[in-house]
Amino acid sequence: MLRRGLTERGFRVFTPAETRSPILSFYIGGAAEAATKALDAAGVKVSVQNGDRTDAYGGSGAPATRVRVAVSLFNNAADIQRMLSAAERLRAS
């Protein structure tokens, strides 16, 4: 649900589709500090890091902020939707 939601909204997902892990990383615009604050304000706890998109991961080499999200047994569809909405708001700002 999270991967599909991100790709449908135009986010580039960093974690390969064949990876079977509850951890998913994706690129978002803006600085890591702003992303952390915006997602935290929405009640979404993530790990955020400034970095470069590398050609090895299908990127352009342009600067990008990577967001790392871990979905667990304790998360539900509403939690995922809240994260997707917060990411969209952050990208729009």
PDB file of N, CA and C in Angstrom:
ATOM      1  N   MET A   1       0.811  -1.198   0.000  1.00  0.00           N
ATOM      2  CA  MET A   1       0.000   0.000   0.000  1.00  0.00           C
ATOM      3  C   MET A   1       0.859   1.269   0.000  1.00  0.00           C
ATOM      4  N   LEU A   2       1.919   1.279   0.804  1.00  0.00           N
ATOM      5  CA  LEU A   2       2.791   2.447   0.875  1.00  0.00           C
ATOM      6  C   LEU A   2       3.538   2.641  -0.440  1.00  0.00           C
ATOM      7  N   ARG A   3       4.163   1.591  -0.954  1.00  0.00           N
ATOM      8  CA  ARG A   3       4.912   1.702  -2.215  1.00  0.00           C
ATOM      9  C   ARG A   3       3.986   2.183  -3.331  1.00  0.00           C
ATOM     10  N   ARG A   4       2.837   1.565  -3.449  1.00  0.00           N
ATOM     11  CA  ARG A   4       1.893   1.933  -4.502  1.00  0.00           C
ATOM     12  C   ARG A   4       1.464   3.394  -4.337  1.00  0.00           C
ATOM     13  N   GLY A   5       1.165   3.795  -3.101  1.00  0.00           N
ATOM     14  CA  GLY A   5       0.753   5.168  -2.851  1.00  0.00           C
ATOM     15  C   GLY A   5       1.822   6.180  -3.223  1.00  0.00           C
ATOM     16  N   LEU A   6       3.062   5.864  -2.912  1.00  0.00           N
ATOM     17  CA  LEU A   6       4.159   6.769  -3.258  1.00  0.00           C
ATOM     18  C   LEU A   6       4.340   6.870  -4.765  1.00  0.00           C
ATOM     19  N   THR A   7       4.371   5.732  -5.452  1.00  0.00           N
ATOM     20  CA  THR A   7       4.588   5.760  -6.900  1.00  0.00           C
ATOM     21  C   THR A   7       3.414   6.421  -7.621  1.00  0.00           C
ATOM     22  N   GLU A   8       2.197   6.190  -7.157  1.00  0.00           N
ATOM     23  CA  GLU A   8       1.029   6.839  -7.768  1.00  0.00           C
ATOM     24  C   GLU A   8       1.078   8.351  -7.609  1.00  0.00           C
ATOM     25  N   ARG A   9       1.746   8.820  -6.586  1.00  0.00           N
ATOM     26  CA  ARG A   9       1.861  10.259  -6.336  1.00  0.00           C
ATOM     27  C   ARG A   9       3.122  10.851  -6.962  1.00  0.00           C
ATOM     28  N   GLY A  10       3.867  10.043  -7.687  1.00  0.00           N
ATOM     29  CA  GLY A  10       5.033  10.542  -8.405  1.00  0.00           C
ATOM     30  C   GLY A  10       6.334  10.558  -7.631  1.00  0.00           C
ATOM     31  N   PHE A  11       6.385   9.936  -6.457  1.00  0.00           N
ATOM     32  CA  PHE A  11       7.640   9.849  -5.709  1.00  0.00           C
ATOM     33  C   PHE A  11       8.494   8.727  -6.292  1.00  0.00           C
ATOM     34  N   ARG A  12       9.799   8.931  -6.317  1.00  0.00           N
ATOM     35  CA  ARG A  12      10.714   7.887  -6.769  1.00  0.00           C
ATOM     36  C   ARG A  12      11.107   7.055  -5.556  1.00  0.00           C
ATOM     37  N   VAL A  13      10.736   5.787  -5.583  1.00  0.00           N
ATOM     38  CA  VAL A  13      11.050   4.880  -4.479  1.00  0.00           C
ATOM     39  C   VAL A  13      12.455   4.336  -4.689  1.00  0.00           C
ATOM     40  N   PHE A  14      13.284   4.461  -3.673  1.00  0.00           N
ATOM     41  CA  PHE A  14      14.684   4.045  -3.698  1.00  0.00           C
ATOM     42  C   PHE A  14      14.819   2.540  -3.471  1.00  0.00           C
ATOM     43  N   THR A  15      14.012   1.966  -2.613  1.00  0.00           N
ATOM     44  CA  THR A  15      14.081   0.545  -2.279  1.00  0.00           C
ATOM     45  C   THR A  15      13.583  -0.272  -3.465  1.00  0.00           C
ATOM     46  N   PRO A  16      14.389  -1.228  -3.950  1.00  0.00           N
ATOM     47  CA  PRO A  16      13.959  -2.053  -5.087  1.00  0.00           C
ATOM     48  C   PRO A  16      12.651  -2.792  -4.786  1.00  0.00           C
ATOM     49  N   ALA A  17      11.801  -2.913  -5.799  1.00  0.00           N
ATOM     50  CA  ALA A  17      10.485  -3.542  -5.634  1.00  0.00           C
ATOM     51  C   ALA A  17      10.586  -4.981  -5.146  1.00  0.00           C
ATOM     52  N   GLU A  18      11.627  -5.681  -5.546  1.00  0.00           N
ATOM     53  CA  GLU A  18      11.757  -7.091  -5.160  1.00  0.00           C
ATOM     54  C   GLU A  18      12.252  -7.274  -3.724  1.00  0.00           C
ATOM     55  N   THR A  19      12.625  -6.187  -3.065  1.00  0.00           N
ATOM     56  CA  THR A  19      13.086  -6.270  -1.684  1.00  0.00           C
ATOM     57  C   THR A  19      11.907  -6.555  -0.765  1.00  0.00           C
ATOM     58  N   ARG A  20      12.001  -7.617  -0.013  1.00  0.00           N
ATOM     59  CA  ARG A  20      10.934  -7.980   0.928  1.00  0.00           C
ATOM     60  C   ARG A  20      11.355  -7.515   2.318  1.00  0.00           C
ATOM     61  N   SER A  21      11.023  -6.289   2.598  1.00  0.00           N
ATOM     62  CA  SER A  21      11.395  -5.678   3.865  1.00  0.00           C
ATOM     63  C   SER A  21      10.308  -4.686   4.258  1.00  0.00           C
ATOM     64  N   PRO A  22      10.082  -4.497   5.549  1.00  0.00           N
ATOM     65  CA  PRO A  22       9.109  -3.486   5.966  1.00  0.00           C
ATOM     66  C   PRO A  22       9.667  -2.065   5.857  1.00  0.00           C
ATOM     67  N   ILE A  23      10.941  -1.957   5.490  1.00  0.00           N
ATOM     68  CA  ILE A  23      11.586  -0.649   5.378  1.00  0.00           C
ATOM     69  C   ILE A  23      11.562  -0.208   3.920  1.00  0.00           C
ATOM     70  N   LEU A  24      11.130   1.017   3.692  1.00  0.00           N
ATOM     71  CA  LEU A  24      11.044   1.556   2.347  1.00  0.00           C
ATOM     72  C   LEU A  24      11.652   2.947   2.347  1.00  0.00           C
ATOM     73  N   SER A  25      12.494   3.222   1.360  1.00  0.00           N
ATOM     74  CA  SER A  25      13.099   4.547   1.234  1.00  0.00           C
ATOM     75  C   SER A  25      12.639   5.182  -0.068  1.00  0.00           C
ATOM     76  N   PHE A  26      12.415   6.496  -0.016  1.00  0.00           N
ATOM     77  CA  PHE A  26      12.011   7.209  -1.224  1.00  0.00           C
ATOM     78  C   PHE A  26      12.609   8.608  -1.202  1.00  0.00           C
ATOM     79  N   TYR A  27      12.640   9.232  -2.374  1.00  0.00           N
ATOM     80  CA  TYR A  27      13.185  10.578  -2.499  1.00  0.00           C
ATOM     81  C   TYR A  27      12.080  11.610  -2.335  1.00  0.00           C
ATOM     82  N   ILE A  28      12.441  12.699  -1.692  1.00  0.00           N
ATOM     83  CA  ILE A  28      11.508  13.818  -1.546  1.00  0.00           C
ATOM     84  C   ILE A  28      12.325  15.095  -1.693  1.00  0.00           C
ATOM     85  N   GLY A  29      11.738  16.134  -2.205  1.00  0.00           N
ATOM     86  CA  GLY A  29      12.464  17.387  -2.362  1.00  0.00           C
ATOM     87  C   GLY A  29      12.677  18.078  -1.025  1.00  0.00           C
ATOM     88  N   GLY A  30      13.552  19.047  -1.021  1.00  0.00           N
ATOM     89  CA  GLY A  30      13.771  19.837   0.184  1.00  0.00           C
ATOM     90  C   GLY A  30      14.886  19.299   1.057  1.00  0.00           C
ATOM     91  N   ALA A  31      15.181  20.043   2.087  1.00  0.00           N
ATOM     92  CA  ALA A  31      16.253  19.685   3.006  1.00  0.00           C
ATOM     93  C   ALA A  31      15.771  18.652   4.018  1.00  0.00           C
ATOM     94  N   ALA A  32      16.696  17.864   4.502  1.00  0.00           N
ATOM     95  CA  ALA A  32      16.373  16.801   5.456  1.00  0.00           C
ATOM     96  C   ALA A  32      15.733  17.363   6.721  1.00  0.00           C
ATOM     97  N   GLU A  33      16.238  18.472   7.216  1.00  0.00           N
ATOM     98  CA  GLU A  33      15.702  19.045   8.457  1.00  0.00           C
ATOM     99  C   GLU A  33      14.238  19.452   8.284  1.00  0.00           C
ATOM    100  N   ALA A  34      13.909  20.073   7.158  1.00  0.00           N
ATOM    101  CA  ALA A  34      12.521  20.477   6.897  1.00  0.00           C
ATOM    102  C   ALA A  34      11.623  19.254   6.761  1.00  0.00           C
ATOM    103  N   ALA A  35      12.122  18.216   6.110  1.00  0.00           N
ATOM    104  CA  ALA A  35      11.337  16.984   5.944  1.00  0.00           C
ATOM    105  C   ALA A  35      11.066  16.341   7.294  1.00  0.00           C
ATOM    106  N   THR A  36      12.082  16.278   8.133  1.00  0.00           N
ATOM    107  CA  THR A  36      11.920  15.688   9.459  1.00  0.00           C
ATOM    108  C   THR A  36      10.873  16.448  10.266  1.00  0.00           C
ATOM    109  N   LYS A  37      10.959  17.770  10.270  1.00  0.00           N
ATOM    110  CA  LYS A  37      10.006  18.587  11.034  1.00  0.00           C
ATOM    111  C   LYS A  37       8.581  18.429  10.511  1.00  0.00           C
ATOM    112  N   ALA A  38       8.418  18.467   9.196  1.00  0.00           N
ATOM    113  CA  ALA A  38       7.077  18.382   8.610  1.00  0.00           C
ATOM    114  C   ALA A  38       6.442  17.016   8.864  1.00  0.00           C
ATOM    115  N   LEU A  39       7.203  15.957   8.686  1.00  0.00           N
ATOM    116  CA  LEU A  39       6.660  14.618   8.902  1.00  0.00           C
ATOM    117  C   LEU A  39       6.405  14.372  10.388  1.00  0.00           C
ATOM    118  N   ASP A  40       7.297  14.862  11.239  1.00  0.00           N
ATOM    119  CA  ASP A  40       7.107  14.710  12.680  1.00  0.00           C
ATOM    120  C   ASP A  40       5.845  15.451  13.137  1.00  0.00           C
ATOM    121  N   ALA A  41       5.610  16.637  12.594  1.00  0.00           N
ATOM    122  CA  ALA A  41       4.413  17.407  12.947  1.00  0.00           C
ATOM    123  C   ALA A  41       3.135  16.666  12.557  1.00  0.00           C
ATOM    124  N   ALA A  42       3.236  15.814  11.536  1.00  0.00           N
ATOM    125  CA  ALA A  42       2.085  15.017  11.101  1.00  0.00           C
ATOM    126  C   ALA A  42       1.980  13.707  11.876  1.00  0.00           C
ATOM    127  N   GLY A  43       2.901  13.509  12.824  1.00  0.00           N
ATOM    128  CA  GLY A  43       2.877  12.280  13.616  1.00  0.00           C
ATOM    129  C   GLY A  43       3.506  11.096  12.922  1.00  0.00           C
ATOM    130  N   VAL A  44       4.365  11.385  11.944  1.00  0.00           N
ATOM    131  CA  VAL A  44       5.027  10.327  11.177  1.00  0.00           C
ATOM    132  C   VAL A  44       6.500  10.315  11.566  1.00  0.00           C
ATOM    133  N   LYS A  45       6.953   9.214  12.119  1.00  0.00           N
ATOM    134  CA  LYS A  45       8.353   9.084  12.533  1.00  0.00           C
ATOM    135  C   LYS A  45       9.137   8.391  11.427  1.00  0.00           C
ATOM    136  N   VAL A  46      10.146   9.075  10.923  1.00  0.00           N
ATOM    137  CA  VAL A  46      10.958   8.556   9.828  1.00  0.00           C
ATOM    138  C   VAL A  46      12.420   8.889  10.080  1.00  0.00           C
ATOM    139  N   SER A  47      13.267   8.286   9.289  1.00  0.00           N
ATOM    140  CA  SER A  47      14.672   8.645   9.233  1.00  0.00           C
ATOM    141  C   SER A  47      14.856   9.407   7.924  1.00  0.00           C
ATOM    142  N   VAL A  48      15.507  10.564   7.974  1.00  0.00           N
ATOM    143  CA  VAL A  48      15.669  11.395   6.786  1.00  0.00           C
ATOM    144  C   VAL A  48      17.137  11.738   6.621  1.00  0.00           C
ATOM    145  N   GLN A  49      17.598  11.743   5.360  1.00  0.00           N
ATOM    146  CA  GLN A  49      19.009  11.995   5.090  1.00  0.00           C
ATOM    147  C   GLN A  49      19.158  12.761   3.784  1.00  0.00           C
ATOM    148  N   ASN A  50      19.992  13.805   3.795  1.00  0.00           N
ATOM    149  CA  ASN A  50      20.340  14.471   2.541  1.00  0.00           C
ATOM    150  C   ASN A  50      21.310  13.574   1.799  1.00  0.00           C
ATOM    151  N   GLY A  51      21.211  13.570   0.499  1.00  0.00           N
ATOM    152  CA  GLY A  51      22.117  12.758  -0.300  1.00  0.00           C
ATOM    153  C   GLY A  51      21.968  13.098  -1.761  1.00  0.00           C
ATOM    154  N   ASP A  52      22.627  12.316  -2.593  1.00  0.00           N
ATOM    155  CA  ASP A  52      22.535  12.486  -4.039  1.00  0.00           C
ATOM    156  C   ASP A  52      21.851  11.282  -4.635  1.00  0.00           C
ATOM    157  N   ARG A  53      21.049  11.531  -5.648  1.00  0.00           N
ATOM    158  CA  ARG A  53      20.506  10.417  -6.419  1.00  0.00           C
ATOM    159  C   ARG A  53      21.662   9.885  -7.250  1.00  0.00           C
ATOM    160  N   THR A  54      21.854   8.608  -7.220  1.00  0.00           N
ATOM    161  CA  THR A  54      22.936   8.031  -8.004  1.00  0.00           C
ATOM    162  C   THR A  54      22.371   7.242  -9.161  1.00  0.00           C
ATOM    163  N   ASP A  55      23.128   7.181 -10.237  1.00  0.00           N
ATOM    164  CA  ASP A  55      22.679   6.448 -11.418  1.00  0.00           C
ATOM    165  C   ASP A  55      22.424   4.985 -11.106  1.00  0.00           C
ATOM    166  N   ALA A  56      23.117   4.428 -10.130  1.00  0.00           N
ATOM    167  CA  ALA A  56      22.919   3.023  -9.759  1.00  0.00           C
ATOM    168  C   ALA A  56      21.489   2.762  -9.304  1.00  0.00           C
ATOM    169  N   TYR A  57      20.823   3.786  -8.823  1.00  0.00           N
ATOM    170  CA  TYR A  57      19.450   3.631  -8.351  1.00  0.00           C
ATOM    171  C   TYR A  57      18.459   4.358  -9.250  1.00  0.00           C
ATOM    172  N   GLY A  58      18.846   4.617 -10.477  1.00  0.00           N
ATOM    173  CA  GLY A  58      17.937   5.221 -11.430  1.00  0.00           C
ATOM    174  C   GLY A  58      17.768   6.716 -11.271  1.00  0.00           C
ATOM    175  N   GLY A  59      18.658   7.338 -10.538  1.00  0.00           N
ATOM    176  CA  GLY A  59      18.543   8.770 -10.323  1.00  0.00           C
ATOM    177  C   GLY A  59      19.380   9.560 -11.300  1.00  0.00           C
ATOM    178  N   SER A  60      19.350  10.845 -11.151  1.00  0.00           N
ATOM    179  CA  SER A  60      20.031  11.744 -12.076  1.00  0.00           C
ATOM    180  C   SER A  60      21.354  12.257 -11.527  1.00  0.00           C
ATOM    181  N   GLY A  61      21.678  11.934 -10.294  1.00  0.00           N
ATOM    182  CA  GLY A  61      22.854  12.500  -9.660  1.00  0.00           C
ATOM    183  C   GLY A  61      22.542  13.825  -8.984  1.00  0.00           C
ATOM    184  N   ALA A  62      21.284  14.281  -9.092  1.00  0.00           N
ATOM    185  CA  ALA A  62      20.868  15.544  -8.484  1.00  0.00           C
ATOM    186  C   ALA A  62      20.681  15.370  -6.981  1.00  0.00           C
ATOM    187  N   PRO A  63      20.906  16.432  -6.212  1.00  0.00           N
ATOM    188  CA  PRO A  63      20.683  16.337  -4.769  1.00  0.00           C
ATOM    189  C   PRO A  63      19.238  15.960  -4.460  1.00  0.00           C
ATOM    190  N   ALA A  64      19.068  15.172  -3.456  1.00  0.00           N
ATOM    191  CA  ALA A  64      17.730  14.753  -3.048  1.00  0.00           C
ATOM    192  C   ALA A  64      17.754  14.367  -1.581  1.00  0.00           C
ATOM    193  N   THR A  65      16.619  14.454  -0.947  1.00  0.00           N
ATOM    194  CA  THR A  65      16.472  14.013   0.432  1.00  0.00           C
ATOM    195  C   THR A  65      15.821  12.646   0.416  1.00  0.00           C
ATOM    196  N   ARG A  66      16.433  11.706   1.121  1.00  0.00           N
ATOM    197  CA  ARG A  66      15.884  10.347   1.216  1.00  0.00           C
ATOM    198  C   ARG A  66      15.128  10.207   2.523  1.00  0.00           C
ATOM    199  N   VAL A  67      13.929   9.658   2.422  1.00  0.00           N
ATOM    200  CA  VAL A  67      13.099   9.388   3.588  1.00  0.00           C
ATOM    201  C   VAL A  67      13.020   7.884   3.743  1.00  0.00           C
ATOM    202  N   ARG A  68      13.247   7.407   4.944  1.00  0.00           N
ATOM    203  CA  ARG A  68      13.217   5.969   5.236  1.00  0.00           C
ATOM    204  C   ARG A  68      12.070   5.713   6.209  1.00  0.00           C
ATOM    205  N   VAL A  69      11.131   4.877   5.769  1.00  0.00           N
ATOM    206  CA  VAL A  69       9.928   4.582   6.544  1.00  0.00           C
ATOM    207  C   VAL A  69       9.894   3.093   6.842  1.00  0.00           C
ATOM    208  N   ALA A  70       9.546   2.735   8.052  1.00  0.00           N
ATOM    209  CA  ALA A  70       9.384   1.325   8.424  1.00  0.00           C
ATOM    210  C   ALA A  70       7.939   1.107   8.855  1.00  0.00           C
ATOM    211  N   VAL A  71       7.233   0.283   8.103  1.00  0.00           N
ATOM    212  CA  VAL A  71       5.849  -0.061   8.427  1.00  0.00           C
ATOM    213  C   VAL A  71       5.876  -1.360   9.217  1.00  0.00           C
ATOM    214  N   SER A  72       5.088  -1.413  10.284  1.00  0.00           N
ATOM    215  CA  SER A  72       5.099  -2.608  11.128  1.00  0.00           C
ATOM    216  C   SER A  72       3.685  -3.091  11.416  1.00  0.00           C
ATOM    217  N   LEU A  73       3.624  -4.123  12.201  1.00  0.00           N
ATOM    218  CA  LEU A  73       2.368  -4.712  12.644  1.00  0.00           C
ATOM    219  C   LEU A  73       1.475  -3.684  13.332  1.00  0.00           C
ATOM    220  N   PHE A  74       2.085  -2.689  13.921  1.00  0.00           N
ATOM    221  CA  PHE A  74       1.343  -1.694  14.687  1.00  0.00           C
ATOM    222  C   PHE A  74       0.784  -0.561  13.835  1.00  0.00           C
ATOM    223  N   ASN A  75       1.101  -0.548  12.538  1.00  0.00           N
ATOM    224  CA  ASN A  75       0.591   0.479  11.635  1.00  0.00           C
ATOM    225  C   ASN A  75      -0.627  -0.039  10.885  1.00  0.00           C
ATOM    226  N   ASN A  76      -1.505   0.894  10.537  1.00  0.00           N
ATOM    227  CA  ASN A  76      -2.693   0.517   9.774  1.00  0.00           C
ATOM    228  C   ASN A  76      -2.811   1.418   8.543  1.00  0.00           C
ATOM    229  N   ALA A  77      -3.878   1.225   7.773  1.00  0.00           N
ATOM    230  CA  ALA A  77      -4.075   1.991   6.541  1.00  0.00           C
ATOM    231  C   ALA A  77      -4.148   3.491   6.816  1.00  0.00           C
ATOM    232  N   ALA A  78      -4.742   3.887   7.931  1.00  0.00           N
ATOM    233  CA  ALA A  78      -4.829   5.312   8.274  1.00  0.00           C
ATOM    234  C   ALA A  78      -3.441   5.902   8.520  1.00  0.00           C
ATOM    235  N   ASP A  79      -2.552   5.132   9.146  1.00  0.00           N
ATOM    236  CA  ASP A  79      -1.178   5.597   9.373  1.00  0.00           C
ATOM    237  C   ASP A  79      -0.459   5.815   8.045  1.00  0.00           C
ATOM    238  N   ILE A  80      -0.631   4.880   7.132  1.00  0.00           N
ATOM    239  CA  ILE A  80       0.026   4.989   5.826  1.00  0.00           C
ATOM    240  C   ILE A  80      -0.538   6.175   5.057  1.00  0.00           C
ATOM    241  N   GLN A  81      -1.833   6.358   5.097  1.00  0.00           N
ATOM    242  CA  GLN A  81      -2.447   7.501   4.413  1.00  0.00           C
ATOM    243  C   GLN A  81      -1.955   8.815   5.009  1.00  0.00           C
ATOM    244  N   ARG A  82      -1.789   8.874   6.319  1.00  0.00           N
ATOM    245  CA  ARG A  82      -1.268  10.078   6.976  1.00  0.00           C
ATOM    246  C   ARG A  82       0.146  10.381   6.486  1.00  0.00           C
ATOM    247  N   MET A  83       0.978   9.350   6.343  1.00  0.00           N
ATOM    248  CA  MET A  83       2.338   9.538   5.847  1.00  0.00           C
ATOM    249  C   MET A  83       2.320  10.033   4.406  1.00  0.00           C
ATOM    250  N   LEU A  84       1.471   9.429   3.568  1.00  0.00           N
ATOM    251  CA  LEU A  84       1.383   9.843   2.167  1.00  0.00           C
ATOM    252  C   LEU A  84       0.914  11.295   2.054  1.00  0.00           C
ATOM    253  N   SER A  85      -0.067  11.667   2.832  1.00  0.00           N
ATOM    254  CA  SER A  85      -0.579  13.043   2.811  1.00  0.00           C
ATOM    255  C   SER A  85       0.486  14.032   3.270  1.00  0.00           C
ATOM    256  N   ALA A  86       1.212  13.681   4.315  1.00  0.00           N
ATOM    257  CA  ALA A  86       2.277  14.553   4.823  1.00  0.00           C
ATOM    258  C   ALA A  86       3.383  14.707   3.785  1.00  0.00           C
ATOM    259  N   ALA A  87       3.740  13.632   3.106  1.00  0.00           N
ATOM    260  CA  ALA A  87       4.777  13.692   2.073  1.00  0.00           C
ATOM    261  C   ALA A  87       4.327  14.586   0.920  1.00  0.00           C
ATOM    262  N   GLU A  88       3.073  14.479   0.534  1.00  0.00           N
ATOM    263  CA  GLU A  88       2.547  15.341  -0.537  1.00  0.00           C
ATOM    264  C   GLU A  88       2.581  16.811  -0.131  1.00  0.00           C
ATOM    265  N   ARG A  89       2.174  17.103   1.081  1.00  0.00           N
ATOM    266  CA  ARG A  89       2.199  18.496   1.560  1.00  0.00           C
ATOM    267  C   ARG A  89       3.626  19.029   1.590  1.00  0.00           C
ATOM    268  N   LEU A  90       4.549  18.209   2.027  1.00  0.00           N
ATOM    269  CA  LEU A  90       5.943  18.626   2.096  1.00  0.00           C
ATOM    270  C   LEU A  90       6.483  18.919   0.706  1.00  0.00           C
ATOM    271  N   ARG A  91       6.182  18.047  -0.235  1.00  0.00           N
ATOM    272  CA  ARG A  91       6.674  18.243  -1.601  1.00  0.00           C
ATOM    273  C   ARG A  91       6.080  19.506  -2.217  1.00  0.00           C
ATOM    274  N   ALA A  92       4.843  19.827  -1.885  1.00  0.00           N
ATOM    275  CA  ALA A  92       4.164  20.997  -2.447  1.00  0.00           C
ATOM    276  C   ALA A  92       4.683  22.311  -1.858  1.00  0.00           C
ATOM    277  N   SER A  93       5.314  22.230  -0.689  1.00  0.00           N
ATOM    278  CA  SER A  93       5.766  23.471  -0.023  1.00  0.00           C
ATOM    279  C   SER A  93       7.097  23.955  -0.552  1.00  0.00           C
TER     280      SER A  93
END
